Amino acid sequence: MIPVKICGITNLEDAQAAVRSGASALGFIFYDKSPRYIPMETACQIATEIQGQVPLVGVFVDETLDYVHGVAEEIGLNFIQLHGNESPAYCQEIHFPIIKVFRVSSDFNAGIIKSYNVHAFLFDTYKKDKFGGTGEVLNWDKISNLQIDTPIILSGGLSIENIEDAIDAVCPSAVDVNSGVESKPGKKNEKKMISLFKILKNTQSATNPFEIPVIQRDSYDI
């Protein structure tokens, strides 16, 4: 099955349900303007309960390096997802594997990704002043012919209704699902998650970008 990150986890019940359903990774959003924002204390409690079951991804938007590293080390994150306007130089200062997000607009220039040396790229829908979780589907044609070796994670309005078509169009290494398996912003729906994983059970991927590197932190130290 293609690796699936369930993002926007805000409580232990949803985290456990996502793991039971088959999630390959869980995402915590540390952007306080998001309806799926999670305080560090809550994320720590969840991580304590599920640590070792699935990798944990911290989502940040234009934060200071000290804040990102502090949260990551306190919680025990495995990956850092950068969802803002972080530069290639900023990414080189992060001591964890990076998933760099690009929001795909109508005039998206894919050439920008060549400047980034990161663990994986994630493509999401562009909406002004909205850093993800919009529920709107991106234009898959914009990224369907990328010739890169870096793993691609597809996001942007993925749901039970469209995820098979999205995978067929883009052929990503993994998918990231958030609003498509929710009852409301910040609250996951276990029935939707179970249905999603049933749909995906026969899908495949050559690479799992959520597989934790054997040498993790040291290899990203400066």
Protein backbone atom coordinates (compact mmCIF):
# COMPACT_ATOMS: atom_id res chain seq x y z
CA MET A 1 0.00 0.00 0.00
CA ILE A 2 1.16 3.52 -0.73
CA PRO A 3 2.41 5.24 2.45
CA VAL A 4 -0.18 7.57 3.98
CA LYS A 5 0.36 10.39 6.44
CA ILE A 6 -2.69 11.45 8.42
CA CYS A 7 -2.04 15.09 9.20
CA GLY A 8 -3.66 17.56 11.56
CA ILE A 9 -3.79 15.24 14.57
CA THR A 10 -5.01 17.16 17.63
CA ASN A 11 -5.89 14.48 20.19
CA LEU A 12 -4.90 11.00 21.34
CA GLU A 13 -8.16 9.36 20.26
CA ASP A 14 -7.64 10.43 16.65
CA ALA A 15 -3.97 9.45 16.73
CA GLN A 16 -4.80 5.95 17.93
CA ALA A 17 -7.60 5.62 15.37
CA ALA A 18 -5.25 6.67 12.57
CA VAL A 19 -2.66 4.11 13.63
CA ARG A 20 -5.31 1.37 13.84
CA SER A 21 -6.59 2.28 10.40
CA GLY A 22 -3.15 1.90 8.82
CA ALA A 23 -1.42 5.30 8.83
CA SER A 24 2.26 5.29 7.90
CA ALA A 25 2.90 8.56 9.75
CA LEU A 26 1.10 11.19 11.81
CA GLY A 27 1.37 14.94 11.43
CA PHE A 28 1.24 17.57 14.19
CA ILE A 29 0.64 21.16 13.08
CA PHE A 30 2.53 23.77 15.11
CA TYR A 31 1.11 26.77 13.27
CA ASP A 32 -1.12 28.67 15.65
CA LYS A 33 -3.35 30.12 12.92
CA SER A 34 -4.43 26.65 11.83
CA PRO A 35 -7.72 25.17 13.13
CA ARG A 36 -5.66 22.00 13.60
CA TYR A 37 -2.98 23.63 15.72
CA ILE A 38 -1.74 21.45 18.55
CA PRO A 39 0.03 22.79 21.67
CA MET A 40 3.41 21.24 22.32
CA GLU A 41 2.24 19.80 25.64
CA THR A 42 -0.60 17.89 23.94
CA ALA A 43 1.69 16.65 21.19
CA CYS A 44 4.13 15.39 23.85
CA GLN A 45 1.37 13.44 25.58
CA ILE A 46 0.27 11.83 22.32
CA ALA A 47 3.85 11.06 21.32
CA THR A 48 4.46 9.34 24.66
CA GLU A 49 1.51 7.03 24.02
CA ILE A 50 2.28 6.13 20.40
CA GLN A 51 6.05 6.60 20.13
CA GLY A 52 7.58 3.83 18.06
CA GLN A 53 4.33 2.80 16.38
CA VAL A 54 4.55 5.26 13.48
CA PRO A 55 6.88 8.16 12.57
CA LEU A 56 5.87 11.62 13.75
CA VAL A 57 6.02 14.69 11.52
CA GLY A 58 6.02 18.25 12.84
CA VAL A 59 4.54 20.90 10.54
CA PHE A 60 5.95 24.44 10.84
CA VAL A 61 5.39 27.71 8.99
CA ASP A 62 8.24 30.25 8.88
CA GLU A 63 9.36 29.58 12.44
CA THR A 64 12.76 30.28 13.99
CA LEU A 65 15.30 27.50 13.87
CA ASP A 66 15.50 27.42 17.67
CA TYR A 67 11.76 26.90 17.96
CA VAL A 68 11.69 24.12 15.38
CA HIS A 69 14.59 22.26 16.95
CA GLY A 70 13.23 22.76 20.46
CA VAL A 71 9.82 21.32 19.61
CA ALA A 72 11.30 18.47 17.60
CA GLU A 73 13.64 17.39 20.36
CA GLU A 74 11.07 17.77 23.13
CA ILE A 75 8.46 15.65 21.36
CA GLY A 76 10.76 13.24 19.56
CA LEU A 77 9.75 14.12 16.02
CA ASN A 78 11.16 12.07 13.17
CA PHE A 79 10.59 14.53 10.33
CA ILE A 80 10.18 18.29 9.93
CA GLN A 81 7.63 19.54 7.39
CA LEU A 82 8.20 23.15 6.33
CA HIS A 83 5.02 24.69 4.99
CA GLY A 84 6.02 28.33 4.62
CA ASN A 85 8.51 30.37 2.61
CA GLU A 86 11.60 28.72 4.06
CA SER A 87 14.70 29.18 1.90
CA PRO A 88 17.17 26.50 0.80
CA ALA A 89 19.69 28.00 3.24
CA TYR A 90 17.19 27.74 6.10
CA CYS A 91 16.58 24.08 5.25
CA GLN A 92 20.29 23.34 5.46
CA GLU A 93 20.24 24.48 9.09
CA ILE A 94 17.59 21.96 10.14
CA HIS A 95 19.01 18.93 11.95
CA PHE A 96 16.19 16.56 10.95
CA PRO A 97 14.98 15.06 7.63
CA ILE A 98 12.95 17.75 5.89
CA ILE A 99 9.72 17.54 3.92
CA LYS A 100 9.54 20.83 2.03
CA VAL A 101 6.07 21.92 0.98
CA PHE A 102 5.19 23.83 -2.16
CA ARG A 103 1.71 25.21 -2.65
CA VAL A 104 0.77 24.80 -6.29
CA SER A 105 -0.85 27.85 -7.86
CA SER A 106 -1.90 28.42 -11.47
CA ASP A 107 1.50 29.97 -12.20
CA PHE A 108 3.58 27.51 -10.17
CA ASN A 109 7.16 27.28 -11.42
CA ALA A 110 8.46 23.79 -10.71
CA GLY A 111 12.02 24.97 -11.31
CA ILE A 112 12.16 26.32 -7.76
CA ILE A 113 12.47 22.84 -6.31
CA LYS A 114 15.91 22.38 -7.87
CA SER A 115 17.34 24.74 -5.25
CA TYR A 116 16.33 22.49 -2.37
CA ASN A 117 18.29 19.52 -1.06
CA VAL A 118 15.73 17.86 1.21
CA HIS A 119 14.37 14.45 2.15
CA ALA A 120 11.07 14.82 0.26
CA PHE A 121 8.78 17.35 -1.42
CA LEU A 122 5.10 17.74 -0.58
CA PHE A 123 2.72 19.46 -2.99
CA ASP A 124 -0.41 21.13 -1.65
CA THR A 125 -3.11 23.46 -2.95
CA TYR A 126 -2.34 27.16 -3.07
CA LYS A 127 -4.80 29.49 -1.40
CA LYS A 128 -3.80 32.98 -0.37
CA ASP A 129 -3.02 33.23 3.36
CA LYS A 130 -3.90 29.55 3.86
CA PHE A 131 -1.01 27.21 4.63
CA GLY A 132 -2.67 23.88 3.94
CA GLY A 133 -5.83 22.20 5.14
CA THR A 134 -7.97 24.06 2.60
CA GLY A 135 -9.82 20.98 1.40
CA GLU A 136 -9.40 22.23 -2.17
CA VAL A 137 -7.94 19.94 -4.82
CA LEU A 138 -4.79 21.08 -6.57
CA ASN A 139 -4.23 20.88 -10.33
CA TRP A 140 -2.49 17.52 -10.62
CA ASP A 141 -1.31 18.28 -14.16
CA LYS A 142 1.06 20.91 -12.74
CA ILE A 143 3.20 18.23 -11.07
CA SER A 144 2.43 15.09 -13.07
CA ASN A 145 5.61 15.22 -15.17
CA LEU A 146 8.29 16.22 -12.68
CA GLN A 147 11.62 14.56 -13.44
CA ILE A 148 13.21 14.38 -9.98
CA ASP A 149 14.74 11.71 -7.78
CA THR A 150 13.47 13.24 -4.53
CA PRO A 151 10.31 11.48 -3.25
CA ILE A 152 7.02 13.28 -3.87
CA ILE A 153 4.21 13.38 -1.32
CA LEU A 154 0.85 14.45 -2.71
CA SER A 155 -1.61 16.45 -0.64
CA GLY A 156 -4.33 19.01 -1.34
CA GLY A 157 -7.97 18.09 -0.85
CA LEU A 158 -7.46 14.33 -1.05
CA SER A 159 -10.49 12.28 -0.05
CA ILE A 160 -12.16 8.92 -0.49
CA GLU A 161 -13.77 10.23 -3.68
CA ASN A 162 -10.65 11.39 -5.52
CA ILE A 163 -7.55 9.76 -4.06
CA GLU A 164 -7.29 6.96 -6.63
CA ASP A 165 -7.49 9.44 -9.50
CA ALA A 166 -4.89 11.64 -7.80
CA ILE A 167 -2.45 8.76 -7.40
CA ASP A 168 -2.96 7.70 -11.03
CA ALA A 169 -2.32 11.25 -12.24
CA VAL A 170 0.79 12.07 -10.18
CA CYS A 171 2.30 8.68 -9.19
CA PRO A 172 3.57 10.02 -5.85
CA SER A 173 5.72 8.12 -3.37
CA ALA A 174 3.16 8.84 -0.63
CA VAL A 175 0.00 10.79 0.12
CA ASP A 176 -0.92 13.21 2.89
CA VAL A 177 -4.56 13.35 3.97
CA ASN A 178 -6.07 15.86 6.36
CA SER A 179 -9.51 17.41 5.85
CA GLY A 180 -10.64 14.48 3.68
CA VAL A 181 -10.93 12.20 6.73
CA GLU A 182 -12.44 14.68 9.17
CA SER A 183 -15.85 15.19 10.71
CA LYS A 184 -14.88 18.84 11.26
CA PRO A 185 -11.56 20.74 11.31
CA GLY A 186 -9.32 19.13 13.90
CA LYS A 187 -11.50 16.06 14.47
CA LYS A 188 -10.81 12.91 12.46
CA ASN A 189 -13.50 10.47 11.40
CA GLU A 190 -12.43 6.86 11.95
CA LYS A 191 -14.97 5.47 9.49
CA LYS A 192 -13.58 7.73 6.77
CA MET A 193 -10.03 6.66 7.60
CA ILE A 194 -10.96 2.98 7.45
CA SER A 195 -12.68 3.51 4.10
CA LEU A 196 -9.67 5.39 2.77
CA PHE A 197 -7.28 2.59 3.62
CA LYS A 198 -9.58 -0.02 2.09
CA ILE A 199 -9.49 1.94 -1.15
CA LEU A 200 -5.69 2.16 -1.03
CA LYS A 201 -4.95 -1.44 -0.04
CA ASN A 202 -3.86 -2.46 -3.56
CA THR A 203 -1.82 0.65 -4.33
CA GLN A 204 1.97 0.55 -4.40
CA SER A 205 4.97 2.79 -4.04
CA ALA A 206 8.64 2.15 -4.76
CA THR A 207 9.73 4.47 -1.95
CA ASN A 208 8.48 5.17 1.55
CA PRO A 209 9.47 8.75 2.44
CA PHE A 210 8.27 8.16 6.01
CA GLU A 211 10.81 5.43 6.63
CA ILE A 212 13.11 6.76 9.34
CA PRO A 213 16.76 6.93 8.18
CA VAL A 214 19.06 4.59 10.10
CA ILE A 215 21.37 7.54 10.76
CA GLN A 216 18.99 10.38 11.37
CA ARG A 217 20.02 13.39 13.39
CA ASP A 218 23.79 13.18 13.02
CA SER A 219 23.59 13.14 9.23
CA TYR A 220 21.70 16.43 9.29
CA ASP A 221 23.96 18.19 11.77
CA ILE A 222 26.00 21.08 10.46
